[in-house]
Protein backbone atom coordinates (compact mmCIF):
# COMPACT_ATOMS: atom_id res chain seq x y z
CA MET A 1 -11.19 -17.79 -4.41
CA ALA A 2 -9.04 -18.96 -1.51
CA ASN A 3 -10.41 -21.64 0.76
CA PHE A 4 -10.01 -20.48 4.35
CA ALA A 5 -11.04 -23.73 5.96
CA LYS A 6 -7.85 -25.50 4.94
CA SER A 7 -4.95 -25.69 7.33
CA GLY A 8 -2.22 -23.38 6.14
CA ALA A 9 -4.63 -20.45 5.62
CA PRO A 10 -3.94 -17.60 8.05
CA ARG A 11 -6.15 -16.91 11.06
CA PHE A 12 -7.31 -13.32 11.48
CA SER A 13 -7.76 -11.41 14.72
CA VAL A 14 -9.05 -7.90 15.45
CA ASP A 15 -8.07 -5.71 18.42
CA VAL A 16 -9.64 -2.31 19.13
CA TYR A 17 -7.84 0.50 20.99
CA GLN A 18 -9.88 3.55 21.98
CA ASN A 19 -11.05 5.83 24.75
CA GLU A 20 -14.76 5.10 24.72
CA TYR A 21 -15.64 7.93 27.15
CA LEU A 22 -17.35 11.06 25.80
CA PRO A 23 -18.50 14.20 27.63
CA GLU A 24 -22.24 14.94 27.67
CA GLY A 25 -23.22 15.85 24.12
CA GLY A 26 -19.93 14.51 22.70
CA ARG A 27 -20.30 12.96 19.26
CA GLU A 28 -16.91 11.91 17.81
CA VAL A 29 -15.57 8.43 18.53
CA ASN A 30 -12.06 7.42 17.38
CA ALA A 31 -10.58 3.93 17.44
CA ILE A 32 -7.48 2.19 16.16
CA VAL A 33 -8.33 -1.26 14.81
CA THR A 34 -5.39 -3.67 14.61
CA VAL A 35 -5.87 -6.56 12.18
CA THR A 36 -3.42 -9.48 12.41
CA ALA A 37 -3.11 -12.55 10.18
CA THR A 38 -1.06 -15.42 11.60
CA GLY A 39 -0.41 -19.09 11.11
CA GLY A 40 -0.46 -19.33 7.33
CA GLY A 41 2.03 -21.25 5.23
CA THR A 42 4.55 -18.40 5.47
CA LEU A 43 4.94 -18.46 9.23
CA GLY A 44 8.57 -18.26 10.26
CA THR A 45 9.89 -17.90 6.72
CA ALA A 46 12.67 -15.35 6.34
CA VAL A 47 12.65 -12.93 3.43
CA GLY A 48 14.88 -14.33 0.72
CA ALA A 49 14.07 -17.94 1.62
CA PRO A 50 11.54 -19.91 -0.44
CA HIS A 51 8.11 -20.22 1.16
CA ARG A 52 7.49 -23.78 2.28
CA TYR A 53 4.00 -25.18 2.13
CA ALA A 54 2.70 -28.68 2.57
CA PRO A 55 1.95 -30.25 -0.85
CA GLY A 56 -1.10 -28.69 -2.45
CA GLN A 57 -1.42 -25.97 0.22
CA ALA A 58 0.24 -23.03 -1.53
CA PRO A 59 -2.36 -20.51 -2.71
CA SER A 60 -2.64 -20.28 -6.50
CA ALA A 61 -1.16 -17.05 -7.82
CA ALA A 62 -0.53 -15.10 -11.02
CA VAL A 63 2.01 -12.29 -11.41
CA ALA A 64 2.60 -9.77 -14.22
CA ILE A 65 5.89 -7.86 -14.30
CA MET A 66 5.71 -4.58 -16.25
CA VAL A 67 9.12 -3.22 -17.30
CA ASP A 68 9.55 0.28 -18.71
CA CYS A 69 11.26 0.00 -22.12
CA SER A 70 10.82 3.64 -23.19
CA GLY A 71 13.71 5.48 -24.85
CA SER A 72 14.88 7.04 -21.57
CA MET A 73 15.73 3.59 -20.19
CA ASP A 74 18.87 3.78 -22.40
CA TYR A 75 20.20 6.78 -20.46
CA PRO A 76 22.43 5.51 -18.99
CA PRO A 77 22.44 2.11 -20.80
CA ALA A 78 23.04 0.33 -17.46
CA LYS A 79 19.47 1.24 -16.44
CA LEU A 80 17.80 -1.22 -18.83
CA ARG A 81 20.42 -3.85 -18.04
CA ASN A 82 19.67 -3.45 -14.32
CA ALA A 83 15.94 -3.69 -15.05
CA ARG A 84 16.49 -6.94 -16.98
CA GLU A 85 18.56 -8.37 -14.12
CA ALA A 86 15.94 -7.30 -11.57
CA THR A 87 13.15 -8.94 -13.58
CA ALA A 88 15.24 -12.13 -13.87
CA ALA A 89 15.77 -12.08 -10.07
CA ALA A 90 12.01 -11.70 -9.55
CA ILE A 91 11.32 -14.62 -11.91
CA ASP A 92 13.79 -16.75 -9.92
CA THR A 93 11.78 -15.95 -6.77
CA LEU A 94 8.48 -17.25 -8.21
CA ARG A 95 7.11 -20.34 -6.51
CA ASP A 96 6.77 -23.38 -8.81
CA GLY A 97 3.29 -23.44 -10.32
CA THR A 98 2.79 -19.67 -10.17
CA ARG A 99 1.44 -18.28 -13.44
CA PHE A 100 3.39 -15.30 -14.75
CA ALA A 101 4.03 -12.94 -17.65
CA VAL A 102 6.51 -10.20 -18.52
CA ILE A 103 5.27 -7.04 -20.23
CA GLY A 104 7.44 -4.44 -21.98
CA GLY A 105 6.01 -0.96 -21.52
CA THR A 106 6.37 2.00 -23.89
CA HIS A 107 3.55 4.09 -25.48
CA VAL A 108 2.10 0.60 -26.11
CA ALA A 109 2.25 -2.60 -24.04
CA THR A 110 4.02 -5.63 -25.50
CA GLU A 111 3.96 -9.24 -24.32
CA VAL A 112 7.62 -10.13 -23.79
CA TYR A 113 6.95 -13.61 -22.36
CA PRO A 114 5.23 -16.02 -22.87
CA GLY A 115 3.13 -14.16 -25.50
CA GLY A 116 -0.07 -15.14 -27.27
CA GLY A 117 -2.28 -13.65 -24.56
CA ARG A 118 -1.25 -16.41 -22.16
CA LEU A 119 0.47 -16.82 -18.81
CA ALA A 120 3.40 -19.22 -18.32
CA VAL A 121 3.52 -21.65 -15.39
CA ALA A 122 6.70 -21.21 -13.36
CA ASP A 123 9.16 -24.10 -13.43
CA ALA A 124 12.86 -24.42 -14.29
CA ALA A 125 12.20 -24.45 -18.05
CA THR A 126 9.83 -21.45 -18.20
CA ARG A 127 12.04 -19.39 -15.88
CA ASP A 128 14.95 -20.02 -18.25
CA GLN A 129 12.85 -19.17 -21.32
CA ALA A 130 11.64 -15.95 -19.69
CA LYS A 131 15.19 -14.88 -18.90
CA GLN A 132 16.21 -15.58 -22.52
CA ALA A 133 13.31 -13.38 -23.67
CA LEU A 134 14.47 -10.55 -21.37
CA ARG A 135 17.75 -10.34 -23.30
CA ARG A 136 15.78 -9.13 -26.32
CA LEU A 137 14.42 -6.08 -24.47
CA SER A 138 15.55 -2.81 -26.01
CA ALA A 139 14.71 0.82 -25.23
CA GLY A 140 12.66 3.03 -27.53
CA GLY A 141 9.33 4.83 -27.60
CA GLY A 142 7.24 6.74 -25.09
CA THR A 143 5.38 6.07 -21.85
CA ALA A 144 1.67 5.20 -21.52
CA ILE A 145 1.35 3.33 -18.24
CA GLY A 146 -2.40 2.75 -18.57
CA THR A 147 -1.77 0.47 -21.56
CA TRP A 148 0.65 -1.62 -19.46
CA LEU A 149 -1.88 -2.01 -16.67
CA ARG A 150 -4.71 -2.91 -19.04
CA LEU A 151 -2.60 -5.69 -20.62
CA ALA A 152 -1.60 -6.92 -17.14
CA ASP A 153 -5.28 -7.01 -16.15
CA ARG A 154 -6.22 -8.99 -19.27
CA LEU A 155 -3.48 -11.55 -18.68
CA LEU A 156 -4.03 -11.88 -14.93
CA SER A 157 -7.80 -12.23 -15.29
CA SER A 158 -7.31 -15.16 -17.69
CA ALA A 159 -6.19 -17.34 -14.75
CA ASP A 160 -8.50 -18.85 -12.13
CA VAL A 161 -6.22 -18.11 -9.15
CA ALA A 162 -6.54 -16.83 -5.58
CA ILE A 163 -3.86 -14.11 -5.76
CA ARG A 164 -3.31 -11.69 -8.68
CA HIS A 165 -0.38 -9.30 -8.43
CA GLY A 166 1.54 -6.84 -10.59
CA ILE A 167 4.98 -5.27 -10.34
CA LEU A 168 5.45 -2.06 -12.33
CA LEU A 169 8.74 -0.26 -13.00
CA THR A 170 8.98 3.14 -14.66
CA ASP A 171 11.76 5.69 -15.10
CA GLY A 172 9.69 8.53 -16.56
CA ARG A 173 6.50 10.53 -16.54
CA ASN A 174 3.33 9.21 -18.13
CA GLU A 175 3.60 11.57 -21.10
CA HIS A 176 1.91 9.60 -23.89
CA GLU A 177 -1.62 9.26 -22.53
CA ALA A 178 -3.99 11.73 -20.89
CA PRO A 179 -4.02 11.74 -17.04
CA GLU A 180 -7.75 10.87 -17.15
CA ASP A 181 -6.93 7.73 -19.19
CA LEU A 182 -4.59 6.48 -16.45
CA LYS A 183 -7.13 7.44 -13.79
CA ARG A 184 -9.90 5.51 -15.57
CA THR A 185 -7.61 2.49 -16.00
CA LEU A 186 -6.79 2.49 -12.28
CA GLU A 187 -10.50 2.64 -11.43
CA GLU A 188 -11.16 -0.33 -13.73
CA CYS A 189 -8.23 -2.39 -12.34
CA ALA A 190 -8.91 -1.63 -8.65
CA GLY A 191 -9.98 -4.79 -6.87
CA ARG A 192 -8.93 -6.99 -9.80
CA PHE A 193 -5.24 -7.21 -8.88
CA THR A 194 -2.80 -5.58 -6.47
CA CYS A 195 0.28 -3.80 -7.81
CA ASP A 196 3.62 -2.61 -6.42
CA ALA A 197 5.03 0.40 -8.28
CA ARG A 198 8.65 1.54 -8.42
CA GLY A 199 10.28 4.63 -9.89
CA VAL A 200 13.91 4.18 -10.96
CA GLY A 201 16.23 7.18 -11.21
CA THR A 202 14.77 10.69 -10.68
CA ASP A 203 12.89 11.60 -13.88
CA TRP A 204 9.50 10.16 -12.90
CA GLU A 205 6.54 11.75 -11.14
CA VAL A 206 6.14 10.78 -7.47
CA LYS A 207 2.36 11.37 -7.44
CA GLU A 208 1.90 9.08 -10.47
CA VAL A 209 3.83 6.17 -8.97
CA THR A 210 2.33 6.51 -5.48
CA GLY A 211 -1.13 6.98 -7.04
CA ILE A 212 -0.82 3.68 -8.92
CA ALA A 213 0.24 1.81 -5.78
CA SER A 214 -2.45 3.44 -3.66
CA ALA A 215 -5.26 2.71 -6.15
CA LEU A 216 -4.14 -0.93 -6.50
CA LEU A 217 -3.35 -1.44 -2.78
CA GLY A 218 0.35 -2.14 -3.33
CA THR A 219 3.59 -0.51 -2.21
CA ALA A 220 5.43 2.41 -3.84
CA ASP A 221 9.09 3.30 -3.57
CA ILE A 222 12.01 4.98 -5.28
CA VAL A 223 15.05 3.06 -6.47
CA ALA A 224 17.34 6.02 -7.10
CA ASP A 225 20.29 3.79 -8.04
CA PRO A 226 19.35 1.26 -10.76
CA ALA A 227 21.97 -1.14 -9.35
CA ALA A 228 19.65 -1.66 -6.34
CA LEU A 229 16.73 -2.88 -8.49
CA ALA A 230 17.49 -6.63 -8.28
CA ALA A 231 17.40 -6.68 -4.46
CA ASP A 232 14.20 -4.62 -4.44
CA PHE A 233 12.46 -6.81 -7.07
CA THR A 234 13.46 -9.97 -5.18
CA HIS A 235 12.00 -8.56 -1.95
CA MET A 236 8.77 -7.49 -3.70
CA MET A 237 8.29 -10.90 -5.28
CA GLU A 238 9.12 -12.64 -2.01
CA THR A 239 6.37 -10.61 -0.32
CA ALA A 240 3.93 -11.33 -3.18
CA MET A 241 4.64 -15.07 -2.86
CA GLY A 242 3.81 -14.79 0.85
CA LYS A 243 0.27 -13.53 0.22
CA GLU A 244 -2.36 -16.15 0.99
CA VAL A 245 -5.76 -14.45 1.02
CA ALA A 246 -6.83 -11.89 -1.61
CA ASP A 247 -9.56 -9.24 -1.63
CA VAL A 248 -10.00 -8.98 2.14
CA ALA A 249 -12.35 -6.17 3.15
CA LEU A 250 -12.86 -4.37 6.44
CA ARG A 251 -16.64 -4.48 6.96
CA VAL A 252 -17.89 -1.69 9.21
CA TRP A 253 -21.44 -1.82 10.55
CA THR A 254 -22.89 1.22 12.33
CA PRO A 255 -26.25 1.64 14.11
CA VAL A 256 -29.01 4.05 13.04
CA GLY A 257 -28.04 7.69 13.47
CA THR A 258 -24.28 7.01 13.31
CA ALA A 259 -22.14 8.28 10.42
CA ILE A 260 -18.64 7.24 9.43
CA LYS A 261 -16.34 10.28 9.16
CA PHE A 262 -13.33 8.36 7.83
CA VAL A 263 -11.59 5.00 7.57
CA LYS A 264 -7.88 4.92 6.80
CA GLN A 265 -5.03 2.45 7.05
CA VAL A 266 -2.38 4.03 9.31
CA ALA A 267 0.29 1.29 9.50
CA PRO A 268 2.53 0.23 7.87
CA THR A 269 1.60 3.16 5.60
CA VAL A 270 -1.15 5.79 5.51
CA VAL A 271 -3.80 4.85 2.90
CA GLU A 272 -7.11 6.72 2.70
CA LEU A 273 -9.98 4.23 2.34
CA THR A 274 -13.06 6.37 3.11
CA ASP A 275 -14.07 6.94 -0.52
CA ARG A 276 -13.53 3.28 -1.48
CA ARG A 277 -16.52 2.03 0.48
CA THR A 278 -18.92 -0.35 -1.23
CA GLU A 279 -22.30 -0.89 0.40
CA ALA A 280 -22.73 -4.29 2.06
CA GLY A 281 -26.32 -4.44 3.29
CA PRO A 282 -28.20 -2.29 5.80
CA ARG A 283 -25.84 0.21 7.52
CA ALA A 284 -22.72 -1.78 6.56
CA GLY A 285 -19.93 -0.97 4.13
CA ASP A 286 -16.80 -2.76 2.92
CA TYR A 287 -13.39 -1.05 2.70
CA PRO A 288 -10.81 -2.90 0.56
CA THR A 289 -7.50 -3.94 2.16
CA GLY A 290 -6.00 -6.08 -0.63
CA SER A 291 -4.04 -9.32 -0.14
CA TRP A 292 -2.71 -10.70 3.13
CA GLY A 293 0.08 -12.99 4.23
CA ASP A 294 1.41 -13.28 7.79
CA GLU A 295 1.26 -9.62 8.85
CA SER A 296 -0.43 -6.99 10.98
CA ARG A 297 -1.90 -3.62 9.97
CA ASP A 298 -3.57 -0.76 11.84
CA TYR A 299 -6.66 1.20 10.75
CA HIS A 300 -8.08 4.45 12.15
CA LEU A 301 -11.87 4.55 12.29
CA CYS A 302 -13.70 7.78 13.16
CA VAL A 303 -17.49 7.74 13.63
CA GLU A 304 -20.02 10.39 14.59
CA VAL A 305 -22.66 9.19 17.02
CA PRO A 306 -25.91 10.88 18.12
CA ALA A 307 -25.39 13.13 21.17
CA ALA A 308 -26.52 11.52 24.43
CA HIS A 309 -26.81 12.19 28.16
CA VAL A 310 -24.41 11.07 30.87
CA GLY A 311 -24.76 7.38 31.71
CA ARG A 312 -25.79 6.28 28.23
CA GLU A 313 -23.77 3.57 26.44
CA MET A 314 -23.94 2.42 22.84
CA LEU A 315 -22.18 0.29 20.27
CA ALA A 316 -20.73 2.88 17.86
CA ALA A 317 -19.43 0.41 15.24
CA ARG A 318 -18.74 -3.26 14.66
CA VAL A 319 -15.72 -4.15 12.52
CA SER A 320 -15.31 -7.57 10.90
CA LEU A 321 -13.21 -9.10 8.13
CA VAL A 322 -14.80 -10.58 5.03
CA VAL A 323 -13.95 -11.67 1.50
CA PRO A 324 -16.76 -10.28 -0.69
CA GLN A 325 -18.02 -12.82 -3.26
CA PRO A 326 -19.78 -11.85 -6.49
CA ASP A 327 -23.50 -12.73 -6.42
CA GLU A 328 -23.31 -14.60 -3.11
CA PRO A 329 -22.83 -13.82 0.60
CA ALA A 330 -19.37 -12.65 1.65
CA GLN A 331 -17.06 -15.16 3.27
CA ASN A 332 -16.61 -14.15 6.92
CA LEU A 333 -13.07 -14.58 8.25
CA GLY A 334 -14.31 -15.04 11.81
CA ALA A 335 -12.80 -12.02 13.55
CA GLN A 336 -14.52 -8.89 14.78
CA GLY A 337 -14.00 -5.89 17.06
CA LEU A 338 -16.44 -3.54 18.78
CA VAL A 339 -16.16 0.26 19.04
CA ARG A 340 -18.10 1.69 21.99
CA ALA A 341 -19.32 5.08 23.19
CA VAL A 342 -19.98 5.81 26.89
CA TRP A 343 -21.09 9.27 28.05
CA THR A 344 -19.66 10.42 31.38
CA ASP A 345 -19.34 13.53 33.56
CA ASP A 346 -15.83 12.42 34.59
CA VAL A 347 -13.73 15.13 32.90
CA VAL A 348 -10.48 13.17 33.23
CA ALA A 349 -11.99 10.10 31.53
CA SER A 350 -13.70 12.01 28.72
CA THR A 351 -10.71 14.23 27.82
CA ALA A 352 -8.06 11.48 27.79
CA ILE A 353 -6.86 10.63 24.27
CA SER A 354 -6.09 7.00 23.53
CA PRO A 355 -2.30 6.75 23.03
CA GLN A 356 -2.86 4.69 19.87
CA VAL A 357 -5.24 7.28 18.40
CA ALA A 358 -2.89 10.15 19.32
CA HIS A 359 0.10 8.37 17.78
CA TYR A 360 -1.54 7.64 14.44
CA THR A 361 -3.21 11.05 14.22
CA GLY A 362 0.34 12.42 14.42
CA GLN A 363 1.63 9.94 11.81
CA ALA A 364 -1.13 10.92 9.36
CA GLU A 365 -0.33 14.61 9.94
CA LEU A 366 3.37 13.84 9.41
CA ALA A 367 2.68 12.41 5.94
CA GLN A 368 0.50 15.41 5.08
CA VAL A 369 2.92 18.15 6.20
CA ILE A 370 5.86 16.51 4.36
CA GLN A 371 3.87 16.48 1.11
CA GLN A 372 2.69 20.07 1.67
CA GLY A 373 6.22 21.22 2.56
CA ILE A 374 7.71 19.74 -0.60
CA GLU A 375 4.95 21.30 -2.75
CA LEU A 376 5.58 24.72 -1.17
CA ARG A 377 9.35 24.36 -1.67
CA LYS A 378 8.82 23.53 -5.37
CA ALA A 379 6.48 26.55 -5.67
CA GLY A 380 9.13 28.86 -4.19
CA ASP A 381 7.29 29.53 -0.90
CA LEU A 382 10.33 28.97 1.30
CA ASP A 383 8.76 30.31 4.52
CA GLY A 384 5.73 28.04 4.10
CA ALA A 385 7.96 25.06 3.28
CA THR A 386 10.14 25.73 6.33
CA ALA A 387 7.10 25.83 8.62
CA LYS A 388 5.61 22.58 7.26
CA LEU A 389 8.90 20.65 7.22
CA GLY A 390 9.71 21.98 10.71
CA ARG A 391 6.41 20.56 11.94
CA ALA A 392 7.34 17.28 10.20
CA VAL A 393 10.68 17.12 12.05
CA GLN A 394 8.83 17.76 15.33
CA LEU A 395 6.27 14.99 14.65
CA ALA A 396 8.89 12.49 13.45
CA GLY A 397 10.95 13.06 16.59
CA ALA A 398 8.00 12.88 18.98
CA SER A 399 6.68 9.61 17.48
CA GLY A 400 10.07 7.90 17.16
CA ASN A 401 9.85 7.73 13.35
CA ALA A 402 13.64 7.60 12.92
CA ASP A 403 13.58 6.63 9.23
CA THR A 404 11.51 9.68 8.28
CA ALA A 405 13.63 11.90 10.57
CA LYS A 406 16.76 10.77 8.65
CA LEU A 407 15.11 11.55 5.29
CA LEU A 408 14.03 14.99 6.54
CA ALA A 409 17.60 15.75 7.66
CA LYS A 410 18.71 15.49 4.01
CA VAL A 411 16.28 18.26 3.04
CA VAL A 412 16.49 20.59 6.09
CA ASP A 413 19.10 21.51 8.69
CA VAL A 414 17.54 20.70 12.07
CA VAL A 415 18.12 23.47 14.65
CA ASP A 416 15.74 22.20 17.37
CA ALA A 417 13.82 18.99 16.63
CA ALA A 418 11.53 19.23 19.66
CA ALA A 419 10.46 22.76 18.73
CA GLY A 420 10.35 22.02 15.00
CA THR A 421 12.92 24.72 14.20
CA VAL A 422 14.67 24.02 10.88
CA ARG A 423 16.40 25.76 7.99
CA LEU A 424 15.88 24.65 4.40
CA LYS A 425 19.10 23.35 2.86
CA ALA A 426 20.30 25.57 0.01
CA LYS A 427 21.06 22.52 -2.15
CA VAL A 428 19.07 19.30 -2.01
CA ALA A 429 19.76 16.26 -4.16
CA GLU A 430 16.69 15.51 -6.29
CA ALA A 431 16.81 11.84 -5.22
CA ASP A 432 16.70 12.87 -1.53
CA GLU A 433 13.63 15.08 -2.01
CA MET A 434 11.86 12.39 -4.08
CA THR A 435 12.69 9.71 -1.51
CA LEU A 436 11.21 11.84 1.29
CA GLU A 437 8.04 12.48 -0.73
CA THR A 438 7.64 8.85 -1.87
CA ARG A 439 8.16 7.44 1.64
CA SER A 440 6.21 10.16 3.47
CA THR A 441 3.28 7.80 4.12
CA LYS A 442 5.43 5.14 5.87
CA THR A 443 4.60 5.05 9.56
CA VAL A 444 6.02 3.55 12.72
CA ARG A 445 3.74 1.44 14.86
CA VAL A 446 2.67 2.61 18.26
CA LYS A 447 4.44 0.90 21.14
CA LYS A 448 1.63 -1.13 22.71
């Protein structure tokens, strides 16, 4: 477990944005909680540059790279070559001393390097050996992603390190194991390591890839052109090498009579956390957030408080950051924020919506209506799809989410963005639709 007392570990801070005023009898309190980690060993390091730490300060880490080697990776043959090159680029990005392994994934999982149920320790020699081993990768067989993840978990858990991370690449659907097998594997691996998932080409299932990343608190994306894999793998590994604290949880305490309606991450992506709560003592629960480097994220907390009369005030929730420890008290990261409720007869005060809450409520709806619109389009309900994607265009424009607006414009012709009036395009490239669906949960931050 990481030692937070040492210099070089990030410092955490918590800021709460809300309108605490409720009308008489009002019960729902919403707050945006911004968590920021600063001042770790990565501060000021550009992506693509090696992270520089004082000697002995870099957090210990282990990484497993899972490369799809199923038969479809040979169509076209450049796909597997690009995957090899991307894996080599990721290996070059490993910090010296990082433990690592490469796994070949088909309907079974194979140790490509170093083998023997071990992890290699990154240095010039092992990087070179790993790249030699990659040349032996060939395509053949099916796809059973759960077996890849279970092998990654076994290898990563063999190392006593602070950070455990996986990178998973697939080009196809998980056809050679039952969906419940993958689901059970993800439940078993959750909290044991984080994992970024990538789909290459357009023959994979968006919900599978995003489901893996969501369950294992990593990122998901499409790499439609295999030639772009090396840059993407380098960036992913660079980010993984910047993580300094693992297994951070958002601990939410609420007083008697108060119930949590939901907890979700809303920036940089929408991730539902409500059902991932683990109890942490009287009236407190922990919500997992994964690994942190120098970064900032926003969370939307909604609590239901007991109705009260005008003039009453109460603490609705206390949010802190902890690293849960097995069989001992959690390590507190020394940052907390308070969510308040104040009942008033001032109608202007009690009906105002916090700009932060309004913004992220819109961003969460944006992700939802894009996913619904694409489902309806696939099902042939063109009127329903037009309505949902029109609402998405309206929300993207109103919130300044330019990246999502650009992706939407490849799927619909925008007649009036402000009104949400659109026409479905007659022909949509499969990669464009999959990109919109995969990136639908990416949000823009509210302008403070």
